[in-house]
Amino acid sequence: MSKKLQGNGLFESSRMMLPEHKEAYIRHQQNLRKNARPQLDDQEMERISMLLSESMLCKKEVELALFKEFEISRLTGIITKIDRQRKSVRLAQENDYVWVQVADIMDAALK
């Protein structure tokens, strides 16, 4: 009997991977590592809203924990504007401004 027909030899000898299969496998592995967006309760949303307002009114520095698909990122700065129509806040960092969506804010803390 030939070696190809022993054990898993038949399939071992015919194994190949197309570039499309490789890309699909990589995308699938990345999707497995995605974080699910946590749902904040009303009390937590109210607490974050109060901290954002305090940062803007008192010019206090705030640290925001932001939701990203693969990680939680952190930004530090002073809230300079709250835009209710766009549902975003403008965070002033050193010499730059960053607009942050309120829905992406998972936690906030005054520094």
N, C-alpha and C. Protein backbone atom coordinates (compact mmCIF):
# COMPACT_ATOMS: atom_id res chain seq x y z
N MET A 1 0.83 -1.16 0.00
CA MET A 1 0.00 0.00 0.00
C MET A 1 0.89 1.24 0.00
N SER A 2 0.46 2.26 -0.72
CA SER A 2 1.30 3.46 -0.80
C SER A 2 1.13 4.31 0.45
N LYS A 3 2.07 5.21 0.67
CA LYS A 3 2.04 6.07 1.85
C LYS A 3 0.86 7.04 1.81
N LYS A 4 0.40 7.41 0.61
CA LYS A 4 -0.71 8.36 0.50
C LYS A 4 -2.00 7.82 1.10
N LEU A 5 -2.17 6.53 1.10
CA LEU A 5 -3.42 5.95 1.57
C LEU A 5 -3.35 5.53 3.04
N GLN A 6 -2.23 5.75 3.71
CA GLN A 6 -2.10 5.38 5.11
C GLN A 6 -2.47 6.56 6.01
N GLY A 7 -3.20 6.29 7.05
CA GLY A 7 -3.58 7.33 8.01
C GLY A 7 -4.39 8.43 7.33
N ASN A 8 -3.91 9.63 7.41
CA ASN A 8 -4.56 10.78 6.79
C ASN A 8 -3.81 11.19 5.53
N GLY A 9 -3.04 10.29 4.98
CA GLY A 9 -2.16 10.59 3.86
C GLY A 9 -2.86 11.09 2.62
N LEU A 10 -4.05 10.58 2.31
CA LEU A 10 -4.75 11.01 1.11
C LEU A 10 -5.03 12.51 1.16
N PHE A 11 -5.47 12.98 2.30
CA PHE A 11 -5.78 14.40 2.43
C PHE A 11 -4.53 15.24 2.62
N GLU A 12 -3.52 14.68 3.28
CA GLU A 12 -2.26 15.39 3.48
C GLU A 12 -1.59 15.70 2.15
N SER A 13 -1.68 14.76 1.22
CA SER A 13 -1.00 14.97 -0.07
C SER A 13 -1.73 15.95 -0.97
N SER A 14 -3.01 16.22 -0.68
CA SER A 14 -3.76 17.11 -1.56
C SER A 14 -4.08 18.44 -0.88
N ARG A 15 -3.38 18.78 0.19
CA ARG A 15 -3.65 20.02 0.92
C ARG A 15 -3.08 21.21 0.16
N MET A 16 -3.92 22.24 0.01
CA MET A 16 -3.45 23.51 -0.55
C MET A 16 -4.36 24.61 -0.05
N MET A 17 -3.86 25.81 -0.07
CA MET A 17 -4.66 26.93 0.40
C MET A 17 -4.58 28.04 -0.64
N LEU A 18 -5.72 28.44 -1.14
CA LEU A 18 -5.79 29.53 -2.11
C LEU A 18 -5.62 30.86 -1.38
N PRO A 19 -5.14 31.89 -2.06
CA PRO A 19 -5.01 33.21 -1.41
C PRO A 19 -6.35 33.72 -0.86
N GLU A 20 -7.45 33.44 -1.56
CA GLU A 20 -8.76 33.87 -1.07
C GLU A 20 -9.12 33.18 0.24
N HIS A 21 -8.74 31.90 0.35
CA HIS A 21 -9.01 31.16 1.58
C HIS A 21 -8.18 31.72 2.72
N LYS A 22 -6.93 32.06 2.43
CA LYS A 22 -6.04 32.61 3.46
C LYS A 22 -6.57 33.95 3.96
N GLU A 23 -7.01 34.83 3.05
CA GLU A 23 -7.56 36.13 3.45
C GLU A 23 -8.83 35.96 4.28
N ALA A 24 -9.70 35.02 3.85
CA ALA A 24 -10.93 34.77 4.59
C ALA A 24 -10.62 34.24 5.99
N TYR A 25 -9.62 33.39 6.11
CA TYR A 25 -9.22 32.85 7.41
C TYR A 25 -8.68 33.96 8.31
N ILE A 26 -7.88 34.85 7.76
CA ILE A 26 -7.32 35.96 8.55
C ILE A 26 -8.44 36.88 9.02
N ARG A 27 -9.39 37.22 8.13
CA ARG A 27 -10.54 38.06 8.52
C ARG A 27 -11.35 37.40 9.62
N HIS A 28 -11.55 36.09 9.49
CA HIS A 28 -12.31 35.35 10.50
C HIS A 28 -11.61 35.40 11.85
N GLN A 29 -10.29 35.23 11.88
CA GLN A 29 -9.54 35.28 13.13
C GLN A 29 -9.61 36.66 13.75
N GLN A 30 -9.59 37.72 12.92
CA GLN A 30 -9.70 39.09 13.45
C GLN A 30 -11.08 39.32 14.03
N ASN A 31 -12.12 38.82 13.37
CA ASN A 31 -13.48 39.00 13.87
C ASN A 31 -13.70 38.30 15.20
N LEU A 32 -12.98 37.21 15.43
CA LEU A 32 -13.09 36.52 16.71
C LEU A 32 -12.55 37.35 17.85
N ARG A 33 -11.59 38.25 17.56
CA ARG A 33 -10.97 39.07 18.61
C ARG A 33 -11.71 40.38 18.84
N LYS A 34 -12.77 40.67 18.10
CA LYS A 34 -13.51 41.92 18.27
C LYS A 34 -14.20 41.95 19.63
N ASN A 35 -14.21 43.12 20.22
CA ASN A 35 -14.91 43.31 21.49
C ASN A 35 -16.37 43.64 21.22
N ALA A 36 -17.23 43.17 22.08
CA ALA A 36 -18.65 43.53 21.99
C ALA A 36 -18.83 44.85 22.73
N ARG A 37 -19.65 45.74 22.17
CA ARG A 37 -19.89 47.04 22.81
C ARG A 37 -20.74 46.83 24.08
N PRO A 38 -20.21 47.20 25.24
CA PRO A 38 -20.99 47.05 26.47
C PRO A 38 -22.12 48.08 26.53
N GLN A 39 -23.21 47.69 27.12
CA GLN A 39 -24.36 48.58 27.29
C GLN A 39 -24.27 49.23 28.68
N LEU A 40 -24.21 50.55 28.71
CA LEU A 40 -24.13 51.27 29.99
C LEU A 40 -25.53 51.52 30.52
N ASP A 41 -25.69 51.38 31.83
CA ASP A 41 -26.99 51.67 32.42
C ASP A 41 -27.17 53.18 32.58
N ASP A 42 -28.37 53.59 32.93
CA ASP A 42 -28.69 55.02 33.01
C ASP A 42 -27.86 55.76 34.05
N GLN A 43 -27.60 55.12 35.18
CA GLN A 43 -26.81 55.77 36.23
C GLN A 43 -25.39 56.03 35.76
N GLU A 44 -24.80 55.06 35.07
CA GLU A 44 -23.43 55.23 34.58
C GLU A 44 -23.38 56.32 33.51
N MET A 45 -24.36 56.36 32.63
CA MET A 45 -24.40 57.40 31.60
C MET A 45 -24.56 58.79 32.24
N GLU A 46 -25.36 58.86 33.28
CA GLU A 46 -25.55 60.13 33.99
C GLU A 46 -24.25 60.57 34.67
N ARG A 47 -23.53 59.62 35.27
CA ARG A 47 -22.25 59.94 35.93
C ARG A 47 -21.24 60.46 34.91
N ILE A 48 -21.15 59.81 33.75
CA ILE A 48 -20.23 60.25 32.71
C ILE A 48 -20.62 61.63 32.20
N SER A 49 -21.91 61.86 32.03
CA SER A 49 -22.41 63.17 31.58
C SER A 49 -22.03 64.27 32.57
N MET A 50 -22.16 63.99 33.86
CA MET A 50 -21.81 64.98 34.89
C MET A 50 -20.31 65.28 34.86
N LEU A 51 -19.48 64.26 34.67
CA LEU A 51 -18.03 64.47 34.61
C LEU A 51 -17.64 65.28 33.37
N LEU A 52 -18.28 65.02 32.24
CA LEU A 52 -18.00 65.78 31.03
C LEU A 52 -18.39 67.25 31.22
N SER A 53 -19.55 67.49 31.83
CA SER A 53 -19.99 68.86 32.08
C SER A 53 -19.06 69.57 33.05
N GLU A 54 -18.64 68.89 34.10
CA GLU A 54 -17.73 69.48 35.08
C GLU A 54 -16.39 69.82 34.44
N SER A 55 -15.92 68.95 33.58
CA SER A 55 -14.66 69.22 32.88
C SER A 55 -14.76 70.47 32.02
N MET A 56 -15.91 70.64 31.36
CA MET A 56 -16.09 71.79 30.49
C MET A 56 -16.25 73.08 31.31
N LEU A 57 -17.07 73.04 32.35
CA LEU A 57 -17.35 74.25 33.12
C LEU A 57 -16.18 74.69 34.00
N CYS A 58 -15.48 73.74 34.60
CA CYS A 58 -14.40 74.06 35.54
C CYS A 58 -13.01 73.94 34.91
N LYS A 59 -12.96 73.61 33.61
CA LYS A 59 -11.67 73.45 32.90
C LYS A 59 -10.78 72.42 33.58
N LYS A 60 -11.39 71.34 34.03
CA LYS A 60 -10.64 70.24 34.65
C LYS A 60 -10.30 69.20 33.60
N GLU A 61 -9.14 68.57 33.76
CA GLU A 61 -8.71 67.53 32.84
C GLU A 61 -9.46 66.23 33.14
N VAL A 62 -9.88 65.55 32.09
CA VAL A 62 -10.64 64.31 32.23
C VAL A 62 -9.96 63.22 31.38
N GLU A 63 -10.03 61.99 31.88
CA GLU A 63 -9.51 60.85 31.12
C GLU A 63 -10.72 60.02 30.66
N LEU A 64 -10.80 59.79 29.35
CA LEU A 64 -11.90 59.05 28.76
C LEU A 64 -11.42 57.67 28.31
N ALA A 65 -12.21 56.65 28.61
CA ALA A 65 -11.96 55.30 28.10
C ALA A 65 -12.93 55.11 26.93
N LEU A 66 -12.37 54.90 25.73
CA LEU A 66 -13.18 54.82 24.52
C LEU A 66 -13.23 53.40 23.98
N PHE A 67 -14.41 53.03 23.52
CA PHE A 67 -14.61 51.71 22.91
C PHE A 67 -14.03 51.70 21.51
N LYS A 68 -13.23 50.69 21.21
CA LYS A 68 -12.74 50.39 19.87
C LYS A 68 -13.03 48.92 19.63
N GLU A 69 -13.07 48.51 18.38
CA GLU A 69 -13.42 47.12 18.07
C GLU A 69 -12.47 46.11 18.69
N PHE A 70 -11.19 46.45 18.77
CA PHE A 70 -10.21 45.48 19.23
C PHE A 70 -9.58 45.82 20.57
N GLU A 71 -9.83 47.01 21.10
CA GLU A 71 -9.22 47.40 22.36
C GLU A 71 -9.98 48.58 22.95
N ILE A 72 -9.65 48.92 24.17
CA ILE A 72 -10.17 50.13 24.81
C ILE A 72 -9.03 51.15 24.80
N SER A 73 -9.27 52.30 24.18
CA SER A 73 -8.23 53.33 24.15
C SER A 73 -8.55 54.42 25.16
N ARG A 74 -7.54 55.15 25.55
CA ARG A 74 -7.71 56.21 26.56
C ARG A 74 -7.20 57.53 26.01
N LEU A 75 -7.98 58.58 26.25
CA LEU A 75 -7.61 59.94 25.86
C LEU A 75 -7.72 60.83 27.08
N THR A 76 -6.83 61.79 27.18
CA THR A 76 -6.83 62.73 28.29
C THR A 76 -6.86 64.14 27.74
N GLY A 77 -7.67 65.00 28.34
CA GLY A 77 -7.74 66.39 27.92
C GLY A 77 -8.87 67.10 28.65
N ILE A 78 -9.20 68.29 28.14
CA ILE A 78 -10.27 69.11 28.73
C ILE A 78 -11.39 69.22 27.71
N ILE A 79 -12.61 68.97 28.16
CA ILE A 79 -13.78 69.10 27.28
C ILE A 79 -14.01 70.59 27.02
N THR A 80 -14.04 70.98 25.74
CA THR A 80 -14.25 72.38 25.40
C THR A 80 -15.60 72.65 24.77
N LYS A 81 -16.25 71.61 24.26
CA LYS A 81 -17.56 71.82 23.66
C LYS A 81 -18.33 70.50 23.69
N ILE A 82 -19.63 70.61 23.97
CA ILE A 82 -20.54 69.47 23.91
C ILE A 82 -21.56 69.76 22.83
N ASP A 83 -21.56 68.96 21.77
CA ASP A 83 -22.48 69.15 20.64
C ASP A 83 -23.58 68.10 20.74
N ARG A 84 -24.77 68.53 21.14
CA ARG A 84 -25.87 67.59 21.35
C ARG A 84 -26.45 67.07 20.04
N GLN A 85 -26.40 67.86 18.97
CA GLN A 85 -26.93 67.39 17.69
C GLN A 85 -26.06 66.29 17.10
N ARG A 86 -24.76 66.46 17.14
CA ARG A 86 -23.84 65.46 16.61
C ARG A 86 -23.55 64.35 17.62
N LYS A 87 -24.03 64.54 18.85
CA LYS A 87 -23.79 63.60 19.95
C LYS A 87 -22.31 63.31 20.12
N SER A 88 -21.55 64.41 20.21
CA SER A 88 -20.11 64.28 20.37
C SER A 88 -19.59 65.40 21.27
N VAL A 89 -18.37 65.23 21.75
CA VAL A 89 -17.70 66.23 22.57
C VAL A 89 -16.34 66.53 21.95
N ARG A 90 -15.90 67.77 22.14
CA ARG A 90 -14.57 68.17 21.65
C ARG A 90 -13.62 68.16 22.83
N LEU A 91 -12.57 67.36 22.69
CA LEU A 91 -11.58 67.19 23.74
C LEU A 91 -10.31 67.91 23.32
N ALA A 92 -9.89 68.89 24.13
CA ALA A 92 -8.67 69.65 23.85
C ALA A 92 -7.49 68.93 24.48
N GLN A 93 -6.53 68.58 23.64
CA GLN A 93 -5.28 67.98 24.10
C GLN A 93 -4.17 68.93 23.71
N GLU A 94 -3.22 69.15 24.57
CA GLU A 94 -2.09 70.04 24.36
C GLU A 94 -2.33 71.09 23.27
N ASN A 95 -2.04 70.79 22.00
CA ASN A 95 -2.21 71.77 20.91
C ASN A 95 -3.21 71.31 19.87
N ASP A 96 -4.06 70.35 20.21
CA ASP A 96 -4.93 69.75 19.22
C ASP A 96 -6.32 69.53 19.82
N TYR A 97 -7.31 69.40 18.94
CA TYR A 97 -8.67 69.07 19.34
C TYR A 97 -9.05 67.73 18.73
N VAL A 98 -9.81 66.95 19.49
CA VAL A 98 -10.30 65.66 19.00
C VAL A 98 -11.80 65.60 19.28
N TRP A 99 -12.58 65.27 18.25
CA TRP A 99 -14.01 65.06 18.44
C TRP A 99 -14.22 63.59 18.81
N VAL A 100 -14.99 63.37 19.88
CA VAL A 100 -15.24 62.02 20.38
C VAL A 100 -16.75 61.80 20.41
N GLN A 101 -17.20 60.69 19.83
CA GLN A 101 -18.62 60.34 19.89
C GLN A 101 -18.97 59.93 21.31
N VAL A 102 -20.09 60.45 21.81
CA VAL A 102 -20.51 60.13 23.18
C VAL A 102 -20.80 58.63 23.31
N ALA A 103 -21.30 57.99 22.26
CA ALA A 103 -21.61 56.56 22.32
C ALA A 103 -20.35 55.71 22.50
N ASP A 104 -19.18 56.24 22.14
CA ASP A 104 -17.92 55.50 22.28
C ASP A 104 -17.31 55.62 23.67
N ILE A 105 -17.81 56.51 24.50
CA ILE A 105 -17.24 56.73 25.84
C ILE A 105 -17.77 55.64 26.78
N MET A 106 -16.85 54.83 27.29
CA MET A 106 -17.21 53.74 28.19
C MET A 106 -17.01 54.12 29.66
N ASP A 107 -16.07 55.05 29.91
CA ASP A 107 -15.80 55.48 31.27
C ASP A 107 -15.12 56.84 31.23
N ALA A 108 -15.26 57.59 32.30
CA ALA A 108 -14.62 58.90 32.42
C ALA A 108 -14.19 59.09 33.86
N ALA A 109 -13.07 59.80 34.02
CA ALA A 109 -12.57 60.10 35.37
C ALA A 109 -11.84 61.44 35.32
N LEU A 110 -12.08 62.28 36.32
CA LEU A 110 -11.37 63.55 36.42
C LEU A 110 -9.97 63.28 36.92
N LYS A 111 -9.03 64.05 36.42
CA LYS A 111 -7.63 63.89 36.83
C LYS A 111 -7.32 64.84 37.97
